[in-house]
Amino acid sequence: METKERTFLMVKPDGVQRSLVGTVIGRMEKKGFKLVAMKMMHIAHDLASRHYEEHEGKPFYKGLLEFIASGPVVAMILEGDNVIEMTRSLVGATDPRKAAPGTMRGDLAVFTGKNIVHASDSPESAKREIALFFKEDDIYSYEQAHEGWLYD
């Protein structure tokens, strides 16, 4: 099988504390995406600042760093056709009040600052975020029996 596109997805501290890790993973697996790497961790300030570097200087930046480091997160890599765009669609708008029903944020979140998950928004950010959180030997390559039922 050819290598499919990969994306980075993280269950934030609010999602972990609310016991939504299984729900998030389940939604992604039900869609047909393959989990190829995962770990639970506390994000150190240095990693948080590199992860959210595009927001540096914005009014919410300091609070964002404090929040993401406030408790454990679950970081993962998902693989599949068009996984970046489709994951963003499944996650929903950043502001849960604007997120469509049926999306993770539309169904599970209330406040923008605590919106359950982070998902890469482009191939470039996926590549950068995966490299921040995972080494190459953390990523597993395998074939699932149902892949023939998902893709042509």
N, C-alpha and C. Protein backbone atom coordinates (compact mmCIF):
# COMPACT_ATOMS: atom_id res chain seq x y z
N MET A 1 0.84 -1.20 0.00
CA MET A 1 0.00 0.00 0.00
C MET A 1 0.87 1.24 0.00
N GLU A 2 0.49 2.24 -0.76
CA GLU A 2 1.23 3.50 -0.77
C GLU A 2 1.00 4.24 0.54
N THR A 3 1.93 5.10 0.90
CA THR A 3 1.79 5.90 2.11
C THR A 3 0.71 6.96 1.91
N LYS A 4 -0.20 7.03 2.82
CA LYS A 4 -1.27 8.02 2.77
C LYS A 4 -0.79 9.30 3.44
N GLU A 5 -1.57 10.36 3.31
CA GLU A 5 -1.28 11.63 3.97
C GLU A 5 -1.35 11.45 5.49
N ARG A 6 -0.54 12.22 6.22
CA ARG A 6 -0.55 12.17 7.68
C ARG A 6 -0.91 13.53 8.25
N THR A 7 -1.55 13.50 9.42
CA THR A 7 -1.85 14.74 10.13
C THR A 7 -1.59 14.55 11.61
N PHE A 8 -1.47 15.68 12.30
CA PHE A 8 -1.27 15.70 13.74
C PHE A 8 -2.59 16.09 14.40
N LEU A 9 -2.96 15.35 15.43
CA LEU A 9 -4.17 15.65 16.20
C LEU A 9 -3.81 15.52 17.67
N MET A 10 -4.27 16.47 18.47
CA MET A 10 -3.99 16.43 19.90
C MET A 10 -5.26 16.67 20.70
N VAL A 11 -5.52 15.80 21.66
CA VAL A 11 -6.60 16.03 22.63
C VAL A 11 -5.98 16.92 23.70
N LYS A 12 -6.54 18.10 23.86
CA LYS A 12 -6.01 19.10 24.79
C LYS A 12 -6.36 18.73 26.23
N PRO A 13 -5.78 19.46 27.20
CA PRO A 13 -6.03 19.13 28.61
C PRO A 13 -7.51 19.05 28.99
N ASP A 14 -8.35 19.90 28.43
CA ASP A 14 -9.78 19.85 28.76
C ASP A 14 -10.41 18.56 28.26
N GLY A 15 -10.01 18.10 27.09
CA GLY A 15 -10.53 16.84 26.55
C GLY A 15 -10.08 15.65 27.36
N VAL A 16 -8.83 15.67 27.82
CA VAL A 16 -8.32 14.58 28.67
C VAL A 16 -9.07 14.58 30.01
N GLN A 17 -9.19 15.76 30.63
CA GLN A 17 -9.85 15.86 31.93
C GLN A 17 -11.33 15.48 31.86
N ARG A 18 -11.96 15.69 30.73
CA ARG A 18 -13.37 15.36 30.56
C ARG A 18 -13.58 13.94 30.04
N SER A 19 -12.49 13.15 29.97
CA SER A 19 -12.55 11.74 29.53
C SER A 19 -13.08 11.60 28.10
N LEU A 20 -12.61 12.48 27.21
CA LEU A 20 -13.06 12.46 25.82
C LEU A 20 -12.03 11.87 24.86
N VAL A 21 -10.91 11.36 25.38
CA VAL A 21 -9.87 10.81 24.51
C VAL A 21 -10.43 9.68 23.64
N GLY A 22 -11.14 8.75 24.25
CA GLY A 22 -11.71 7.63 23.50
C GLY A 22 -12.73 8.08 22.46
N THR A 23 -13.51 9.09 22.82
CA THR A 23 -14.49 9.63 21.89
C THR A 23 -13.80 10.23 20.66
N VAL A 24 -12.75 11.01 20.89
CA VAL A 24 -12.02 11.63 19.79
C VAL A 24 -11.40 10.56 18.90
N ILE A 25 -10.69 9.62 19.50
CA ILE A 25 -10.07 8.56 18.72
C ILE A 25 -11.13 7.75 17.98
N GLY A 26 -12.20 7.42 18.67
CA GLY A 26 -13.27 6.64 18.05
C GLY A 26 -13.87 7.32 16.83
N ARG A 27 -14.08 8.62 16.91
CA ARG A 27 -14.62 9.34 15.75
C ARG A 27 -13.68 9.27 14.56
N MET A 28 -12.38 9.38 14.84
CA MET A 28 -11.40 9.34 13.75
C MET A 28 -11.31 7.92 13.16
N GLU A 29 -11.33 6.92 14.01
CA GLU A 29 -11.27 5.54 13.52
C GLU A 29 -12.55 5.16 12.78
N LYS A 30 -13.69 5.63 13.24
CA LYS A 30 -14.95 5.33 12.54
C LYS A 30 -14.96 5.95 11.15
N LYS A 31 -14.28 7.07 10.99
CA LYS A 31 -14.18 7.70 9.67
C LYS A 31 -13.31 6.86 8.74
N GLY A 32 -12.42 6.06 9.34
CA GLY A 32 -11.55 5.20 8.53
C GLY A 32 -10.09 5.57 8.59
N PHE A 33 -9.74 6.57 9.42
CA PHE A 33 -8.35 6.96 9.52
C PHE A 33 -7.59 6.01 10.42
N LYS A 34 -6.32 5.82 10.07
CA LYS A 34 -5.46 4.89 10.79
C LYS A 34 -4.60 5.66 11.79
N LEU A 35 -4.60 5.21 13.04
CA LEU A 35 -3.75 5.76 14.08
C LEU A 35 -2.38 5.13 13.94
N VAL A 36 -1.35 5.95 13.66
CA VAL A 36 -0.01 5.40 13.43
C VAL A 36 0.99 5.79 14.53
N ALA A 37 0.61 6.71 15.41
CA ALA A 37 1.44 7.07 16.56
C ALA A 37 0.56 7.77 17.59
N MET A 38 0.88 7.56 18.89
CA MET A 38 0.10 8.20 19.94
C MET A 38 0.91 8.19 21.23
N LYS A 39 0.79 9.29 22.00
CA LYS A 39 1.38 9.32 23.33
C LYS A 39 0.69 10.35 24.20
N MET A 40 0.65 10.02 25.50
CA MET A 40 0.14 10.96 26.49
C MET A 40 1.36 11.65 27.10
N MET A 41 1.22 12.96 27.30
CA MET A 41 2.37 13.71 27.79
C MET A 41 1.94 15.04 28.40
N HIS A 42 2.82 15.62 29.20
CA HIS A 42 2.70 17.02 29.63
C HIS A 42 3.57 17.82 28.68
N ILE A 43 3.07 18.91 28.18
CA ILE A 43 3.83 19.74 27.25
C ILE A 43 4.61 20.78 28.04
N ALA A 44 5.93 20.76 27.90
CA ALA A 44 6.80 21.75 28.52
C ALA A 44 6.62 23.10 27.83
N HIS A 45 6.97 24.17 28.54
CA HIS A 45 6.81 25.53 28.01
C HIS A 45 7.54 25.70 26.68
N ASP A 46 8.75 25.16 26.56
CA ASP A 46 9.52 25.30 25.31
C ASP A 46 8.79 24.67 24.13
N LEU A 47 8.28 23.47 24.32
CA LEU A 47 7.54 22.80 23.24
C LEU A 47 6.25 23.54 22.93
N ALA A 48 5.55 24.01 23.96
CA ALA A 48 4.31 24.76 23.75
C ALA A 48 4.57 26.02 22.93
N SER A 49 5.65 26.73 23.25
CA SER A 49 5.94 27.96 22.51
C SER A 49 6.33 27.68 21.06
N ARG A 50 7.02 26.57 20.80
CA ARG A 50 7.33 26.20 19.42
C ARG A 50 6.09 25.76 18.67
N HIS A 51 5.22 25.01 19.36
CA HIS A 51 3.99 24.53 18.73
C HIS A 51 3.08 25.69 18.32
N TYR A 52 2.95 26.68 19.18
CA TYR A 52 2.05 27.81 18.93
C TYR A 52 2.78 29.07 18.50
N GLU A 53 3.96 28.93 17.88
CA GLU A 53 4.77 30.10 17.53
C GLU A 53 4.05 31.09 16.61
N GLU A 54 3.14 30.64 15.79
CA GLU A 54 2.44 31.57 14.89
C GLU A 54 1.53 32.53 15.64
N HIS A 55 1.23 32.23 16.91
CA HIS A 55 0.37 33.10 17.71
C HIS A 55 1.15 34.05 18.62
N GLU A 56 2.48 33.94 18.61
CA GLU A 56 3.29 34.79 19.47
C GLU A 56 2.98 36.26 19.20
N GLY A 57 2.81 37.02 20.28
CA GLY A 57 2.50 38.44 20.17
C GLY A 57 1.01 38.74 20.19
N LYS A 58 0.18 37.73 20.03
CA LYS A 58 -1.27 37.94 20.07
C LYS A 58 -1.73 37.99 21.53
N PRO A 59 -2.84 38.68 21.80
CA PRO A 59 -3.29 38.86 23.18
C PRO A 59 -3.56 37.54 23.94
N PHE A 60 -3.95 36.51 23.23
CA PHE A 60 -4.30 35.24 23.88
C PHE A 60 -3.12 34.27 24.01
N TYR A 61 -1.94 34.64 23.51
CA TYR A 61 -0.78 33.74 23.44
C TYR A 61 -0.37 33.20 24.81
N LYS A 62 -0.19 34.08 25.79
CA LYS A 62 0.25 33.63 27.12
C LYS A 62 -0.76 32.65 27.73
N GLY A 63 -2.04 32.96 27.64
CA GLY A 63 -3.07 32.08 28.17
C GLY A 63 -3.11 30.73 27.45
N LEU A 64 -2.86 30.76 26.14
CA LEU A 64 -2.82 29.53 25.35
C LEU A 64 -1.70 28.62 25.83
N LEU A 65 -0.51 29.20 26.05
CA LEU A 65 0.61 28.41 26.55
C LEU A 65 0.33 27.84 27.93
N GLU A 66 -0.24 28.66 28.80
CA GLU A 66 -0.57 28.19 30.16
C GLU A 66 -1.59 27.06 30.11
N PHE A 67 -2.60 27.21 29.27
CA PHE A 67 -3.63 26.18 29.16
C PHE A 67 -3.07 24.86 28.64
N ILE A 68 -2.30 24.89 27.55
CA ILE A 68 -1.84 23.65 26.93
C ILE A 68 -0.87 22.92 27.85
N ALA A 69 -0.21 23.64 28.76
CA ALA A 69 0.71 23.03 29.71
C ALA A 69 0.04 22.71 31.05
N SER A 70 -1.26 22.94 31.18
CA SER A 70 -1.95 22.80 32.46
C SER A 70 -2.28 21.37 32.86
N GLY A 71 -2.14 20.44 31.95
CA GLY A 71 -2.45 19.05 32.24
C GLY A 71 -2.01 18.18 31.09
N PRO A 72 -2.20 16.88 31.23
CA PRO A 72 -1.76 15.99 30.15
C PRO A 72 -2.58 16.18 28.87
N VAL A 73 -1.92 15.90 27.75
CA VAL A 73 -2.55 15.89 26.44
C VAL A 73 -2.29 14.52 25.83
N VAL A 74 -3.05 14.20 24.79
CA VAL A 74 -2.78 12.99 24.02
C VAL A 74 -2.51 13.43 22.59
N ALA A 75 -1.26 13.23 22.17
CA ALA A 75 -0.82 13.60 20.83
C ALA A 75 -0.86 12.37 19.95
N MET A 76 -1.27 12.55 18.69
CA MET A 76 -1.35 11.40 17.79
C MET A 76 -1.12 11.82 16.35
N ILE A 77 -0.79 10.82 15.56
CA ILE A 77 -0.67 10.98 14.12
C ILE A 77 -1.69 10.06 13.48
N LEU A 78 -2.46 10.62 12.57
CA LEU A 78 -3.45 9.86 11.82
C LEU A 78 -3.03 9.81 10.36
N GLU A 79 -3.40 8.75 9.69
CA GLU A 79 -3.02 8.55 8.30
C GLU A 79 -4.26 8.18 7.49
N GLY A 80 -4.33 8.70 6.27
CA GLY A 80 -5.43 8.36 5.36
C GLY A 80 -5.48 9.32 4.20
N ASP A 81 -6.28 9.01 3.21
CA ASP A 81 -6.48 9.90 2.08
C ASP A 81 -7.14 11.19 2.56
N ASN A 82 -6.56 12.33 2.18
CA ASN A 82 -7.14 13.64 2.49
C ASN A 82 -7.39 13.83 4.00
N VAL A 83 -6.55 13.21 4.82
CA VAL A 83 -6.76 13.19 6.27
C VAL A 83 -6.69 14.58 6.91
N ILE A 84 -5.87 15.48 6.38
CA ILE A 84 -5.75 16.82 6.99
C ILE A 84 -7.06 17.58 6.86
N GLU A 85 -7.54 17.71 5.64
CA GLU A 85 -8.79 18.45 5.40
C GLU A 85 -9.98 17.78 6.09
N MET A 86 -10.05 16.47 6.01
CA MET A 86 -11.20 15.77 6.59
C MET A 86 -11.18 15.82 8.12
N THR A 87 -9.99 15.77 8.71
CA THR A 87 -9.90 15.89 10.17
C THR A 87 -10.36 17.26 10.61
N ARG A 88 -9.93 18.31 9.90
CA ARG A 88 -10.38 19.66 10.24
C ARG A 88 -11.90 19.77 10.16
N SER A 89 -12.48 19.11 9.18
CA SER A 89 -13.94 19.11 9.04
C SER A 89 -14.61 18.38 10.21
N LEU A 90 -14.05 17.25 10.62
CA LEU A 90 -14.61 16.49 11.74
C LEU A 90 -14.44 17.23 13.07
N VAL A 91 -13.35 17.98 13.21
CA VAL A 91 -13.08 18.74 14.43
C VAL A 91 -14.04 19.91 14.55
N GLY A 92 -14.26 20.63 13.46
CA GLY A 92 -15.18 21.77 13.49
C GLY A 92 -14.46 23.09 13.70
N ALA A 93 -15.21 24.16 13.61
CA ALA A 93 -14.66 25.52 13.74
C ALA A 93 -14.00 25.71 15.10
N THR A 94 -12.97 26.56 15.13
CA THR A 94 -12.24 26.84 16.37
C THR A 94 -13.17 27.32 17.47
N ASP A 95 -14.11 28.16 17.13
CA ASP A 95 -15.10 28.66 18.09
C ASP A 95 -16.26 27.66 18.14
N PRO A 96 -16.40 26.95 19.26
CA PRO A 96 -17.46 25.94 19.34
C PRO A 96 -18.87 26.49 19.08
N ARG A 97 -19.08 27.79 19.33
CA ARG A 97 -20.39 28.39 19.07
C ARG A 97 -20.70 28.45 17.58
N LYS A 98 -19.63 28.40 16.76
CA LYS A 98 -19.79 28.44 15.31
C LYS A 98 -19.57 27.07 14.67
N ALA A 99 -19.20 26.09 15.48
CA ALA A 99 -18.93 24.75 14.96
C ALA A 99 -20.25 24.03 14.70
N ALA A 100 -20.33 23.37 13.58
CA ALA A 100 -21.55 22.67 13.18
C ALA A 100 -21.85 21.50 14.12
N PRO A 101 -23.13 21.25 14.37
CA PRO A 101 -23.50 20.04 15.11
C PRO A 101 -22.96 18.82 14.36
N GLY A 102 -22.51 17.84 15.10
CA GLY A 102 -21.92 16.66 14.49
C GLY A 102 -20.41 16.70 14.48
N THR A 103 -19.83 17.92 14.60
CA THR A 103 -18.38 18.03 14.72
C THR A 103 -18.00 17.85 16.19
N MET A 104 -16.73 17.55 16.43
CA MET A 104 -16.29 17.36 17.82
C MET A 104 -16.52 18.62 18.64
N ARG A 105 -16.10 19.76 18.11
CA ARG A 105 -16.28 21.00 18.87
C ARG A 105 -17.74 21.41 18.94
N GLY A 106 -18.49 21.17 17.89
CA GLY A 106 -19.92 21.48 17.90
C GLY A 106 -20.69 20.66 18.91
N ASP A 107 -20.27 19.42 19.11
CA ASP A 107 -20.97 18.52 20.03
C ASP A 107 -20.42 18.54 21.45
N LEU A 108 -19.12 18.83 21.60
CA LEU A 108 -18.46 18.58 22.89
C LEU A 108 -17.88 19.80 23.58
N ALA A 109 -17.74 20.92 22.89
CA ALA A 109 -17.08 22.09 23.47
C ALA A 109 -18.04 23.26 23.59
N VAL A 110 -17.69 24.22 24.46
CA VAL A 110 -18.52 25.39 24.70
C VAL A 110 -17.74 26.68 24.48
N PHE A 111 -16.47 26.70 24.82
CA PHE A 111 -15.66 27.91 24.86
C PHE A 111 -14.43 27.75 23.97
N THR A 112 -14.08 28.78 23.21
CA THR A 112 -12.95 28.72 22.30
C THR A 112 -11.66 28.35 23.00
N GLY A 113 -11.43 28.86 24.18
CA GLY A 113 -10.20 28.59 24.91
C GLY A 113 -10.08 27.16 25.39
N LYS A 114 -11.17 26.45 25.43
CA LYS A 114 -11.17 25.04 25.85
C LYS A 114 -12.01 24.28 24.82
N ASN A 115 -11.40 24.04 23.66
CA ASN A 115 -12.16 23.48 22.54
C ASN A 115 -11.75 22.05 22.18
N ILE A 116 -11.30 21.28 23.16
CA ILE A 116 -11.11 19.84 23.11
C ILE A 116 -9.88 19.36 22.34
N VAL A 117 -9.70 19.82 21.10
CA VAL A 117 -8.65 19.25 20.25
C VAL A 117 -7.91 20.33 19.45
N HIS A 118 -6.72 19.95 19.03
CA HIS A 118 -5.95 20.72 18.06
C HIS A 118 -5.75 19.81 16.86
N ALA A 119 -5.91 20.34 15.66
CA ALA A 119 -5.66 19.57 14.44
C ALA A 119 -4.87 20.43 13.46
N SER A 120 -3.88 19.84 12.82
CA SER A 120 -3.09 20.55 11.82
C SER A 120 -4.00 21.12 10.74
N ASP A 121 -3.65 22.33 10.26
CA ASP A 121 -4.51 22.99 9.27
C ASP A 121 -3.97 22.96 7.85
N SER A 122 -2.79 22.36 7.65
CA SER A 122 -2.21 22.30 6.30
C SER A 122 -1.15 21.21 6.27
N PRO A 123 -0.75 20.79 5.08
CA PRO A 123 0.34 19.80 5.00
C PRO A 123 1.63 20.30 5.66
N GLU A 124 1.90 21.60 5.52
CA GLU A 124 3.11 22.17 6.12
C GLU A 124 3.04 22.13 7.65
N SER A 125 1.92 22.53 8.22
CA SER A 125 1.80 22.50 9.68
C SER A 125 1.76 21.07 10.20
N ALA A 126 1.15 20.15 9.46
CA ALA A 126 1.15 18.74 9.87
C ALA A 126 2.57 18.21 9.96
N LYS A 127 3.36 18.48 8.95
CA LYS A 127 4.75 18.02 8.94
C LYS A 127 5.54 18.62 10.11
N ARG A 128 5.37 19.92 10.33
CA ARG A 128 6.07 20.61 11.42
C ARG A 128 5.64 20.09 12.79
N GLU A 129 4.33 19.94 12.99
CA GLU A 129 3.81 19.50 14.29
C GLU A 129 4.17 18.04 14.57
N ILE A 130 4.10 17.19 13.57
CA ILE A 130 4.50 15.79 13.75
C ILE A 130 5.96 15.73 14.20
N ALA A 131 6.82 16.53 13.56
CA ALA A 131 8.25 16.53 13.90
C ALA A 131 8.50 17.08 15.31
N LEU A 132 7.66 17.99 15.78
CA LEU A 132 7.80 18.53 17.14
C LEU A 132 7.51 17.47 18.20
N PHE A 133 6.52 16.62 17.94
CA PHE A 133 6.03 15.71 18.96
C PHE A 133 6.50 14.26 18.82
N PHE A 134 6.97 13.86 17.64
CA PHE A 134 7.31 12.46 17.40
C PHE A 134 8.64 12.32 16.67
N LYS A 135 9.36 11.27 17.00
CA LYS A 135 10.53 10.86 16.23
C LYS A 135 10.04 9.86 15.18
N GLU A 136 10.79 9.70 14.12
CA GLU A 136 10.38 8.81 13.04
C GLU A 136 10.14 7.38 13.54
N ASP A 137 10.94 6.92 14.49
CA ASP A 137 10.75 5.54 14.97
C ASP A 137 9.58 5.40 15.95
N ASP A 138 8.87 6.49 16.25
CA ASP A 138 7.63 6.43 17.03
C ASP A 138 6.43 6.11 16.15
N ILE A 139 6.62 6.20 14.83
CA ILE A 139 5.51 6.07 13.88
C ILE A 139 5.49 4.65 13.31
N TYR A 140 4.31 4.05 13.37
CA TYR A 140 4.14 2.67 12.91
C TYR A 140 3.50 2.63 11.54
N SER A 141 4.01 1.72 10.72
CA SER A 141 3.46 1.50 9.39
C SER A 141 2.87 0.09 9.37
N TYR A 142 1.61 0.00 9.05
CA TYR A 142 0.94 -1.30 9.01
C TYR A 142 -0.29 -1.18 8.13
N GLU A 143 -0.79 -2.32 7.71
CA GLU A 143 -1.99 -2.34 6.87
C GLU A 143 -3.15 -2.89 7.70
N GLN A 144 -4.29 -2.23 7.58
CA GLN A 144 -5.50 -2.70 8.25
C GLN A 144 -6.35 -3.50 7.27
N ALA A 145 -7.00 -4.51 7.78
CA ALA A 145 -7.79 -5.40 6.92
C ALA A 145 -8.90 -4.65 6.17
N HIS A 146 -9.43 -3.61 6.75
CA HIS A 146 -10.56 -2.91 6.11
C HIS A 146 -10.15 -1.83 5.11
N GLU A 147 -8.86 -1.61 4.92
CA GLU A 147 -8.44 -0.55 4.00
C GLU A 147 -8.97 -0.75 2.58
N GLY A 148 -9.08 -1.99 2.14
CA GLY A 148 -9.64 -2.26 0.82
C GLY A 148 -11.09 -1.86 0.69
N TRP A 149 -11.78 -1.72 1.82
CA TRP A 149 -13.18 -1.31 1.82
C TRP A 149 -13.34 0.22 1.90
N LEU A 150 -12.23 0.92 2.10
CA LEU A 150 -12.27 2.38 2.20
C LEU A 150 -11.80 3.08 0.94
N TYR A 151 -10.79 2.52 0.28
CA TYR A 151 -10.13 3.20 -0.81
C TYR A 151 -10.17 2.38 -2.08
N ASP A 152 -10.21 3.08 -3.21
CA ASP A 152 -10.08 2.43 -4.52
C ASP A 152 -8.63 2.31 -4.87
